[in-house]
PDB file of all heavy atoms in Angstrom:
ATOM      1  N   TYR A   1     147.868  -6.033  34.211  1.00  0.00           N
ATOM      2  CA  TYR A   1     149.001  -5.282  33.665  1.00  0.00           C
ATOM      3  C   TYR A   1     148.540  -4.148  32.757  1.00  0.00           C
ATOM      4  O   TYR A   1     149.190  -3.097  32.691  1.00  0.00           O
ATOM      5  CB  TYR A   1     149.953  -6.223  32.936  1.00  0.00           C
ATOM      6  CG  TYR A   1     150.861  -6.965  33.882  1.00  0.00           C
ATOM      7  CD1 TYR A   1     150.559  -8.231  34.333  1.00  0.00           C
ATOM      8  CD2 TYR A   1     152.030  -6.363  34.359  1.00  0.00           C
ATOM      9  CE1 TYR A   1     151.380  -8.906  35.226  1.00  0.00           C
ATOM     10  CE2 TYR A   1     152.865  -7.028  35.249  1.00  0.00           C
ATOM     11  CZ  TYR A   1     152.535  -8.291  35.673  1.00  0.00           C
ATOM     12  OH  TYR A   1     153.357  -8.944  36.560  1.00  0.00           O
ATOM     13  N   SER A   2     147.400  -4.315  32.078  1.00  0.00           N
ATOM     14  CA  SER A   2     146.866  -3.220  31.269  1.00  0.00           C
ATOM     15  C   SER A   2     146.442  -2.054  32.155  1.00  0.00           C
ATOM     16  O   SER A   2     146.668  -0.890  31.817  1.00  0.00           O
ATOM     17  CB  SER A   2     145.666  -3.725  30.451  1.00  0.00           C
ATOM     18  OG  SER A   2     146.030  -4.795  29.613  1.00  0.00           O
ATOM     19  N   THR A   3     145.838  -2.363  33.287  1.00  0.00           N
ATOM     20  CA  THR A   3     145.418  -1.314  34.215  1.00  0.00           C
ATOM     21  C   THR A   3     146.612  -0.565  34.762  1.00  0.00           C
ATOM     22  O   THR A   3     146.601   0.675  34.857  1.00  0.00           O
ATOM     23  CB  THR A   3     144.599  -1.924  35.366  1.00  0.00           C
ATOM     24  OG1 THR A   3     143.484  -2.646  34.832  1.00  0.00           O
ATOM     25  CG2 THR A   3     144.092  -0.842  36.307  1.00  0.00           C
ATOM     26  N   TRP A   4     147.681  -1.288  35.121  1.00  0.00           N
ATOM     27  CA  TRP A   4     148.866  -0.624  35.658  1.00  0.00           C
ATOM     28  C   TRP A   4     149.597   0.180  34.579  1.00  0.00           C
ATOM     29  O   TRP A   4     150.243   1.194  34.887  1.00  0.00           O
ATOM     30  CB  TRP A   4     149.805  -1.637  36.305  1.00  0.00           C
ATOM     31  CG  TRP A   4     149.374  -2.039  37.680  1.00  0.00           C
ATOM     32  CD1 TRP A   4     148.737  -3.187  38.043  1.00  0.00           C
ATOM     33  CD2 TRP A   4     149.536  -1.284  38.890  1.00  0.00           C
ATOM     34  NE1 TRP A   4     148.489  -3.192  39.400  1.00  0.00           N
ATOM     35  CE2 TRP A   4     148.967  -2.055  39.943  1.00  0.00           C
ATOM     36  CE3 TRP A   4     150.103  -0.048  39.182  1.00  0.00           C
ATOM     37  CZ2 TRP A   4     148.956  -1.607  41.264  1.00  0.00           C
ATOM     38  CZ3 TRP A   4     150.084   0.393  40.505  1.00  0.00           C
ATOM     39  CH2 TRP A   4     149.527  -0.372  41.521  1.00  0.00           C
ATOM     40  N   ILE A   5     149.508  -0.240  33.319  1.00  0.00           N
ATOM     41  CA  ILE A   5     150.102   0.551  32.239  1.00  0.00           C
ATOM     42  C   ILE A   5     149.429   1.915  32.161  1.00  0.00           C
ATOM     43  O   ILE A   5     150.096   2.959  32.070  1.00  0.00           O
ATOM     44  CB  ILE A   5     149.995  -0.198  30.890  1.00  0.00           C
ATOM     45  CG1 ILE A   5     151.004  -1.347  30.840  1.00  0.00           C
ATOM     46  CG2 ILE A   5     150.248   0.756  29.717  1.00  0.00           C
ATOM     47  CD1 ILE A   5     150.875  -2.225  29.606  1.00  0.00           C
ATOM     48  N   PHE A   6     148.095   1.929  32.211  1.00  0.00           N
ATOM     49  CA  PHE A   6     147.408   3.224  32.167  1.00  0.00           C
ATOM     50  C   PHE A   6     147.627   3.996  33.469  1.00  0.00           C
ATOM     51  O   PHE A   6     147.683   5.231  33.450  1.00  0.00           O
ATOM     52  CB  PHE A   6     145.922   3.037  31.914  1.00  0.00           C
ATOM     53  CG  PHE A   6     145.189   4.343  31.797  1.00  0.00           C
ATOM     54  CD1 PHE A   6     145.311   5.127  30.667  1.00  0.00           C
ATOM     55  CD2 PHE A   6     144.396   4.819  32.840  1.00  0.00           C
ATOM     56  CE1 PHE A   6     144.662   6.348  30.572  1.00  0.00           C
ATOM     57  CE2 PHE A   6     143.751   6.035  32.753  1.00  0.00           C
ATOM     58  CZ  PHE A   6     143.880   6.794  31.612  1.00  0.00           C
ATOM     59  N   TYR A   7     147.745   3.300  34.590  1.00  0.00           N
ATOM     60  CA  TYR A   7     148.032   3.983  35.858  1.00  0.00           C
ATOM     61  C   TYR A   7     149.349   4.750  35.769  1.00  0.00           C
ATOM     62  O   TYR A   7     149.455   5.872  36.272  1.00  0.00           O
ATOM     63  CB  TYR A   7     148.087   2.958  36.989  1.00  0.00           C
ATOM     64  CG  TYR A   7     148.559   3.523  38.310  1.00  0.00           C
ATOM     65  CD1 TYR A   7     147.683   4.132  39.190  1.00  0.00           C
ATOM     66  CD2 TYR A   7     149.906   3.444  38.676  1.00  0.00           C
ATOM     67  CE1 TYR A   7     148.122   4.661  40.399  1.00  0.00           C
ATOM     68  CE2 TYR A   7     150.353   3.964  39.885  1.00  0.00           C
ATOM     69  CZ  TYR A   7     149.454   4.576  40.735  1.00  0.00           C
ATOM     70  OH  TYR A   7     149.904   5.100  41.922  1.00  0.00           O
ATOM     71  N   VAL A   8     150.358   4.166  35.121  1.00  0.00           N
ATOM     72  CA  VAL A   8     151.643   4.845  34.951  1.00  0.00           C
ATOM     73  C   VAL A   8     151.453   6.130  34.154  1.00  0.00           C
ATOM     74  O   VAL A   8     151.994   7.183  34.506  1.00  0.00           O
ATOM     75  CB  VAL A   8     152.652   3.910  34.257  1.00  0.00           C
ATOM     76  CG1 VAL A   8     153.893   4.678  33.833  1.00  0.00           C
ATOM     77  CG2 VAL A   8     153.040   2.772  35.184  1.00  0.00           C
ATOM     78  N   LEU A   9     150.679   6.047  33.073  1.00  0.00           N
ATOM     79  CA  LEU A   9     150.421   7.255  32.268  1.00  0.00           C
ATOM     80  C   LEU A   9     149.695   8.305  33.099  1.00  0.00           C
ATOM     81  O   LEU A   9     150.024   9.497  33.038  1.00  0.00           O
ATOM     82  CB  LEU A   9     149.596   6.872  31.043  1.00  0.00           C
ATOM     83  CG  LEU A   9     149.261   7.995  30.053  1.00  0.00           C
ATOM     84  CD1 LEU A   9     149.196   7.453  28.632  1.00  0.00           C
ATOM     85  CD2 LEU A   9     147.926   8.668  30.389  1.00  0.00           C
ATOM     86  N   LEU A  10     148.706   7.880  33.877  1.00  0.00           N
ATOM     87  CA  LEU A  10     147.941   8.814  34.693  1.00  0.00           C
ATOM     88  C   LEU A  10     148.812   9.497  35.739  1.00  0.00           C
ATOM     89  O   LEU A  10     148.721  10.717  35.950  1.00  0.00           O
ATOM     90  CB  LEU A  10     146.783   8.072  35.362  1.00  0.00           C
ATOM     91  CG  LEU A  10     145.852   8.883  36.262  1.00  0.00           C
ATOM     92  CD1 LEU A  10     145.187  10.007  35.484  1.00  0.00           C
ATOM     93  CD2 LEU A  10     144.802   7.984  36.895  1.00  0.00           C
ATOM     94  N   MET A  11     149.688   8.728  36.399  1.00  0.00           N
ATOM     95  CA  MET A  11     150.549   9.319  37.422  1.00  0.00           C
ATOM     96  C   MET A  11     151.603  10.233  36.808  1.00  0.00           C
ATOM     97  O   MET A  11     151.989  11.243  37.408  1.00  0.00           O
ATOM     98  CB  MET A  11     151.218   8.213  38.237  1.00  0.00           C
ATOM     99  CG  MET A  11     150.251   7.381  39.074  1.00  0.00           C
ATOM    100  SD  MET A  11     149.137   8.372  40.105  1.00  0.00           S
ATOM    101  CE  MET A  11     150.310   9.300  41.085  1.00  0.00           C
ATOM    102  N   ASP A  12     152.086   9.907  35.605  1.00  0.00           N
ATOM    103  CA  ASP A  12     153.029  10.799  34.923  1.00  0.00           C
ATOM    104  C   ASP A  12     152.364  12.121  34.584  1.00  0.00           C
ATOM    105  O   ASP A  12     152.966  13.192  34.725  1.00  0.00           O
ATOM    106  CB  ASP A  12     153.558  10.118  33.659  1.00  0.00           C
ATOM    107  CG  ASP A  12     154.552  10.992  32.913  1.00  0.00           C
ATOM    108  OD1 ASP A  12     155.639  11.274  33.476  1.00  0.00           O
ATOM    109  OD2 ASP A  12     154.251  11.406  31.778  1.00  0.00           O
ATOM    110  N   LEU A  13     151.106  12.065  34.174  1.00  0.00           N
ATOM    111  CA  LEU A  13     150.361  13.291  33.883  1.00  0.00           C
ATOM    112  C   LEU A  13     150.138  14.098  35.156  1.00  0.00           C
ATOM    113  O   LEU A  13     150.294  15.331  35.168  1.00  0.00           O
ATOM    114  CB  LEU A  13     149.028  12.937  33.232  1.00  0.00           C
ATOM    115  CG  LEU A  13     148.119  14.110  32.887  1.00  0.00           C
ATOM    116  CD1 LEU A  13     148.780  15.013  31.854  1.00  0.00           C
ATOM    117  CD2 LEU A  13     146.779  13.609  32.368  1.00  0.00           C
ATOM    118  N   CYS A  14     149.791  13.427  36.260  1.00  0.00           N
ATOM    119  CA  CYS A  14     149.612  14.126  37.532  1.00  0.00           C
ATOM    120  C   CYS A  14     150.908  14.768  38.001  1.00  0.00           C
ATOM    121  O   CYS A  14     150.892  15.854  38.609  1.00  0.00           O
ATOM    122  CB  CYS A  14     149.096  13.155  38.594  1.00  0.00           C
ATOM    123  SG  CYS A  14     147.403  12.588  38.336  1.00  0.00           S
ATOM    124  N   ALA A  15     152.035  14.104  37.732  1.00  0.00           N
ATOM    125  CA  ALA A  15     153.334  14.681  38.096  1.00  0.00           C
ATOM    126  C   ALA A  15     153.591  15.970  37.318  1.00  0.00           C
ATOM    127  O   ALA A  15     154.097  16.959  37.876  1.00  0.00           O
ATOM    128  CB  ALA A  15     154.445  13.669  37.836  1.00  0.00           C
ATOM    129  N   GLN A  16     153.230  15.999  36.048  1.00  0.00           N
ATOM    130  CA  GLN A  16     153.399  17.218  35.263  1.00  0.00           C
ATOM    131  C   GLN A  16     152.501  18.335  35.779  1.00  0.00           C
ATOM    132  O   GLN A  16     152.901  19.500  35.820  1.00  0.00           O
ATOM    133  CB  GLN A  16     153.088  16.922  33.794  1.00  0.00           C
ATOM    134  CG  GLN A  16     154.053  15.946  33.133  1.00  0.00           C
ATOM    135  CD  GLN A  16     153.712  15.706  31.679  1.00  0.00           C
ATOM    136  OE1 GLN A  16     153.287  16.610  30.968  1.00  0.00           O
ATOM    137  NE2 GLN A  16     153.880  14.478  31.227  1.00  0.00           N
ATOM    138  N   VAL A  17     151.290  17.979  36.171  1.00  0.00           N
ATOM    139  CA  VAL A  17     150.386  18.980  36.738  1.00  0.00           C
ATOM    140  C   VAL A  17     150.936  19.515  38.065  1.00  0.00           C
ATOM    141  O   VAL A  17     150.879  20.715  38.338  1.00  0.00           O
ATOM    142  CB  VAL A  17     148.977  18.372  36.937  1.00  0.00           C
ATOM    143  CG1 VAL A  17     148.072  19.339  37.694  1.00  0.00           C
ATOM    144  CG2 VAL A  17     148.360  18.014  35.594  1.00  0.00           C
ATOM    145  N   ALA A  18     151.490  18.607  38.886  1.00  0.00           N
ATOM    146  CA  ALA A  18     152.057  19.031  40.174  1.00  0.00           C
ATOM    147  C   ALA A  18     153.215  19.993  39.979  1.00  0.00           C
ATOM    148  O   ALA A  18     153.326  21.007  40.688  1.00  0.00           O
ATOM    149  CB  ALA A  18     152.514  17.802  40.962  1.00  0.00           C
ATOM    150  N   VAL A  19     154.081  19.701  39.010  1.00  0.00           N
ATOM    151  CA  VAL A  19     155.217  20.589  38.740  1.00  0.00           C
ATOM    152  C   VAL A  19     154.713  21.944  38.242  1.00  0.00           C
ATOM    153  O   VAL A  19     155.208  23.006  38.654  1.00  0.00           O
ATOM    154  CB  VAL A  19     156.169  19.942  37.721  1.00  0.00           C
ATOM    155  CG1 VAL A  19     157.244  20.930  37.285  1.00  0.00           C
ATOM    156  CG2 VAL A  19     156.814  18.691  38.312  1.00  0.00           C
ATOM    157  N   ALA A  20     153.725  21.935  37.353  1.00  0.00           N
ATOM    158  CA  ALA A  20     153.198  23.193  36.817  1.00  0.00           C
ATOM    159  C   ALA A  20     152.521  24.033  37.897  1.00  0.00           C
ATOM    160  O   ALA A  20     152.595  25.267  37.875  1.00  0.00           O
ATOM    161  CB  ALA A  20     152.217  22.904  35.684  1.00  0.00           C
ATOM    162  N   LEU A  21     151.873  23.388  38.851  1.00  0.00           N
ATOM    163  CA  LEU A  21     151.200  24.106  39.942  1.00  0.00           C
ATOM    164  C   LEU A  21     152.120  24.360  41.128  1.00  0.00           C
ATOM    165  O   LEU A  21     151.692  24.956  42.123  1.00  0.00           O
ATOM    166  CB  LEU A  21     149.974  23.313  40.416  1.00  0.00           C
ATOM    167  CG  LEU A  21     148.817  23.193  39.419  1.00  0.00           C
ATOM    168  CD1 LEU A  21     147.734  22.273  39.967  1.00  0.00           C
ATOM    169  CD2 LEU A  21     148.227  24.565  39.108  1.00  0.00           C
ATOM    170  N   ARG A  22     153.352  23.844  41.057  1.00  0.00           N
ATOM    171  CA  ARG A  22     154.340  23.995  42.134  1.00  0.00           C
ATOM    172  C   ARG A  22     153.811  23.409  43.435  1.00  0.00           C
ATOM    173  O   ARG A  22     153.865  24.045  44.498  1.00  0.00           O
ATOM    174  CB  ARG A  22     154.729  25.468  42.301  1.00  0.00           C
ATOM    175  CG  ARG A  22     155.387  26.066  41.072  1.00  0.00           C
ATOM    176  CD  ARG A  22     155.777  27.519  41.289  1.00  0.00           C
ATOM    177  NE  ARG A  22     156.400  28.067  40.096  1.00  0.00           N
ATOM    178  CZ  ARG A  22     156.825  29.327  39.983  1.00  0.00           C
ATOM    179  NH1 ARG A  22     156.691  30.158  41.030  1.00  0.00           N
ATOM    180  NH2 ARG A  22     157.377  29.745  38.872  1.00  0.00           N
ATOM    181  N   GLN A  23     153.291  22.205  43.324  1.00  0.00           N
ATOM    182  CA  GLN A  23     152.746  21.488  44.469  1.00  0.00           C
ATOM    183  C   GLN A  23     153.400  20.110  44.546  1.00  0.00           C
ATOM    184  O   GLN A  23     153.760  19.532  43.524  1.00  0.00           O
ATOM    185  CB  GLN A  23     151.229  21.324  44.335  1.00  0.00           C
ATOM    186  CG  GLN A  23     150.434  22.596  44.360  1.00  0.00           C
ATOM    187  CD  GLN A  23     150.261  23.139  45.769  1.00  0.00           C
ATOM    188  OE1 GLN A  23     150.511  22.441  46.756  1.00  0.00           O
ATOM    189  NE2 GLN A  23     149.838  24.390  45.874  1.00  0.00           N
ATOM    190  N   PRO A  24     153.568  19.547  45.758  1.00  0.00           N
ATOM    191  CA  PRO A  24     153.995  18.149  45.848  1.00  0.00           C
ATOM    192  C   PRO A  24     152.931  17.248  45.217  1.00  0.00           C
ATOM    193  O   PRO A  24     151.742  17.569  45.227  1.00  0.00           O
ATOM    194  CB  PRO A  24     154.120  17.897  47.360  1.00  0.00           C
ATOM    195  CG  PRO A  24     154.204  19.253  47.977  1.00  0.00           C
ATOM    196  CD  PRO A  24     153.426  20.173  47.087  1.00  0.00           C
ATOM    197  N   LEU A  25     153.352  16.131  44.683  1.00  0.00           N
ATOM    198  CA  LEU A  25     152.421  15.233  44.020  1.00  0.00           C
ATOM    199  C   LEU A  25     151.335  14.738  44.970  1.00  0.00           C
ATOM    200  O   LEU A  25     150.189  14.518  44.559  1.00  0.00           O
ATOM    201  CB  LEU A  25     153.178  14.034  43.432  1.00  0.00           C
ATOM    202  CG  LEU A  25     152.337  13.016  42.661  1.00  0.00           C
ATOM    203  CD1 LEU A  25     151.631  13.670  41.484  1.00  0.00           C
ATOM    204  CD2 LEU A  25     153.198  11.857  42.187  1.00  0.00           C
ATOM    205  N   GLU A  26     151.672  14.587  46.250  1.00  0.00           N
ATOM    206  CA  GLU A  26     150.689  14.091  47.214  1.00  0.00           C
ATOM    207  C   GLU A  26     149.534  15.060  47.415  1.00  0.00           C
ATOM    208  O   GLU A  26     148.484  14.676  47.936  1.00  0.00           O
ATOM    209  CB  GLU A  26     151.359  13.815  48.553  1.00  0.00           C
ATOM    210  CG  GLU A  26     151.971  15.031  49.198  1.00  0.00           C
ATOM    211  CD  GLU A  26     152.680  14.726  50.504  1.00  0.00           C
ATOM    212  OE1 GLU A  26     152.898  13.535  50.788  1.00  0.00           O
ATOM    213  OE2 GLU A  26     153.013  15.678  51.223  1.00  0.00           O
ATOM    214  N   CYS A  27     149.694  16.310  46.982  1.00  0.00           N
ATOM    215  CA  CYS A  27     148.625  17.301  47.114  1.00  0.00           C
ATOM    216  C   CYS A  27     147.701  17.333  45.897  1.00  0.00           C
ATOM    217  O   CYS A  27     146.713  18.073  45.896  1.00  0.00           O
ATOM    218  CB  CYS A  27     149.215  18.699  47.327  1.00  0.00           C
ATOM    219  SG  CYS A  27     150.108  18.884  48.894  1.00  0.00           S
ATOM    220  N   ILE A  28     148.010  16.552  44.865  1.00  0.00           N
ATOM    221  CA  ILE A  28     147.199  16.522  43.648  1.00  0.00           C
ATOM    222  C   ILE A  28     146.208  15.365  43.735  1.00  0.00           C
ATOM    223  O   ILE A  28     146.578  14.234  44.043  1.00  0.00           O
ATOM    224  CB  ILE A  28     148.086  16.366  42.399  1.00  0.00           C
ATOM    225  CG1 ILE A  28     149.090  17.520  42.316  1.00  0.00           C
ATOM    226  CG2 ILE A  28     147.238  16.315  41.149  1.00  0.00           C
ATOM    227  CD1 ILE A  28     148.460  18.890  42.195  1.00  0.00           C
ATOM    228  N   SER A  29     144.954  15.639  43.447  1.00  0.00           N
ATOM    229  CA  SER A  29     143.913  14.618  43.453  1.00  0.00           C
ATOM    230  C   SER A  29     143.943  13.860  42.131  1.00  0.00           C
ATOM    231  O   SER A  29     143.556  14.405  41.090  1.00  0.00           O
ATOM    232  CB  SER A  29     142.538  15.254  43.677  1.00  0.00           C
ATOM    233  OG  SER A  29     141.519  14.293  43.524  1.00  0.00           O
ATOM    234  N   VAL A  30     144.386  12.615  42.179  1.00  0.00           N
ATOM    235  CA  VAL A  30     144.467  11.800  40.962  1.00  0.00           C
ATOM    236  C   VAL A  30     143.070  11.549  40.402  1.00  0.00           C
ATOM    237  O   VAL A  30     142.858  11.559  39.183  1.00  0.00           O
ATOM    238  CB  VAL A  30     145.185  10.470  41.261  1.00  0.00           C
ATOM    239  CG1 VAL A  30     145.282   9.613  40.000  1.00  0.00           C
ATOM    240  CG2 VAL A  30     146.578  10.731  41.832  1.00  0.00           C
ATOM    241  N   GLU A  31     142.115  11.336  41.277  1.00  0.00           N
ATOM    242  CA  GLU A  31     140.750  11.075  40.819  1.00  0.00           C
ATOM    243  C   GLU A  31     140.175  12.262  40.063  1.00  0.00           C
ATOM    244  O   GLU A  31     139.541  12.093  39.006  1.00  0.00           O
ATOM    245  CB  GLU A  31     139.852  10.744  42.014  1.00  0.00           C
ATOM    246  CG  GLU A  31     138.409  10.467  41.621  1.00  0.00           C
ATOM    247  CD  GLU A  31     137.524  10.094  42.796  1.00  0.00           C
ATOM    248  OE1 GLU A  31     138.059   9.989  43.915  1.00  0.00           O
ATOM    249  OE2 GLU A  31     136.311   9.903  42.579  1.00  0.00           O
ATOM    250  N   MET A  32     140.411  13.487  40.543  1.00  0.00           N
ATOM    251  CA  MET A  32     139.864  14.655  39.868  1.00  0.00           C
ATOM    252  C   MET A  32     140.581  14.926  38.554  1.00  0.00           C
ATOM    253  O   MET A  32     139.972  15.421  37.598  1.00  0.00           O
ATOM    254  CB  MET A  32     139.945  15.879  40.787  1.00  0.00           C
ATOM    255  CG  MET A  32     139.101  15.760  42.053  1.00  0.00           C
ATOM    256  SD  MET A  32     137.398  15.219  41.747  1.00  0.00           S
ATOM    257  CE  MET A  32     136.781  16.542  40.712  1.00  0.00           C
ATOM    258  N   VAL A  33     141.873  14.606  38.471  1.00  0.00           N
ATOM    259  CA  VAL A  33     142.575  14.707  37.183  1.00  0.00           C
ATOM    260  C   VAL A  33     141.942  13.755  36.182  1.00  0.00           C
ATOM    261  O   VAL A  33     141.689  14.105  35.023  1.00  0.00           O
ATOM    262  CB  VAL A  33     144.074  14.401  37.363  1.00  0.00           C
ATOM    263  CG1 VAL A  33     144.756  14.264  36.004  1.00  0.00           C
ATOM    264  CG2 VAL A  33     144.750  15.510  38.168  1.00  0.00           C
ATOM    265  N   PHE A  34     141.658  12.542  36.631  1.00  0.00           N
ATOM    266  CA  PHE A  34     141.052  11.546  35.749  1.00  0.00           C
ATOM    267  C   PHE A  34     139.658  11.994  35.304  1.00  0.00           C
ATOM    268  O   PHE A  34     139.293  11.852  34.125  1.00  0.00           O
ATOM    269  CB  PHE A  34     140.976  10.207  36.480  1.00  0.00           C
ATOM    270  CG  PHE A  34     140.422   9.083  35.648  1.00  0.00           C
ATOM    271  CD1 PHE A  34     141.180   8.501  34.646  1.00  0.00           C
ATOM    272  CD2 PHE A  34     139.140   8.616  35.865  1.00  0.00           C
ATOM    273  CE1 PHE A  34     140.672   7.469  33.871  1.00  0.00           C
ATOM    274  CE2 PHE A  34     138.620   7.581  35.113  1.00  0.00           C
ATOM    275  CZ  PHE A  34     139.391   7.007  34.106  1.00  0.00           C
ATOM    276  N   ARG A  35     138.872  12.554  36.208  1.00  0.00           N
ATOM    277  CA  ARG A  35     137.525  12.997  35.864  1.00  0.00           C
ATOM    278  C   ARG A  35     137.529  14.228  34.958  1.00  0.00           C
ATOM    279  O   ARG A  35     136.526  14.519  34.282  1.00  0.00           O
ATOM    280  CB  ARG A  35     136.732  13.294  37.135  1.00  0.00           C
ATOM    281  CG  ARG A  35     136.482  12.065  38.003  1.00  0.00           C
ATOM    282  CD  ARG A  35     135.645  12.400  39.218  1.00  0.00           C
ATOM    283  NE  ARG A  35     135.454  11.245  40.073  1.00  0.00           N
ATOM    284  CZ  ARG A  35     134.541  10.297  39.889  1.00  0.00           C
ATOM    285  NH1 ARG A  35     133.720  10.394  38.851  1.00  0.00           N
ATOM    286  NH2 ARG A  35     134.426   9.282  40.712  1.00  0.00           N
ATOM    287  N   SER A  36     138.638  14.943  34.935  1.00  0.00           N
ATOM    288  CA  SER A  36     138.724  16.148  34.096  1.00  0.00           C
ATOM    289  C   SER A  36     138.963  15.831  32.629  1.00  0.00           C
ATOM    290  O   SER A  36     138.855  16.730  31.785  1.00  0.00           O
ATOM    291  CB  SER A  36     139.847  17.056  34.609  1.00  0.00           C
ATOM    292  OG  SER A  36     139.645  17.414  35.953  1.00  0.00           O
ATOM    293  N   PHE A  37     139.285  14.572  32.310  1.00  0.00           N
ATOM    294  CA  PHE A  37     139.532  14.208  30.913  1.00  0.00           C
ATOM    295  C   PHE A  37     138.297  14.468  30.044  1.00  0.00           C
ATOM    296  O   PHE A  37     138.417  14.846  28.879  1.00  0.00           O
ATOM    297  CB  PHE A  37     139.937  12.739  30.801  1.00  0.00           C
ATOM    298  CG  PHE A  37     141.282  12.434  31.418  1.00  0.00           C
ATOM    299  CD1 PHE A  37     141.636  11.137  31.731  1.00  0.00           C
ATOM    300  CD2 PHE A  37     142.187  13.450  31.673  1.00  0.00           C
ATOM    301  CE1 PHE A  37     142.862  10.849  32.296  1.00  0.00           C
ATOM    302  CE2 PHE A  37     143.422  13.185  32.244  1.00  0.00           C
ATOM    303  CZ  PHE A  37     143.754  11.872  32.554  1.00  0.00           C
TER     304      PHE A  37
END
């Protein structure tokens, strides 16, 4: 459950990036967002 809590935060951040880039969320690399931290 701790892992899924952080997963929710990560996906919410990816959603904000997708909106800012005007891309569908499926086009955003979650792994590269995580590595960019």
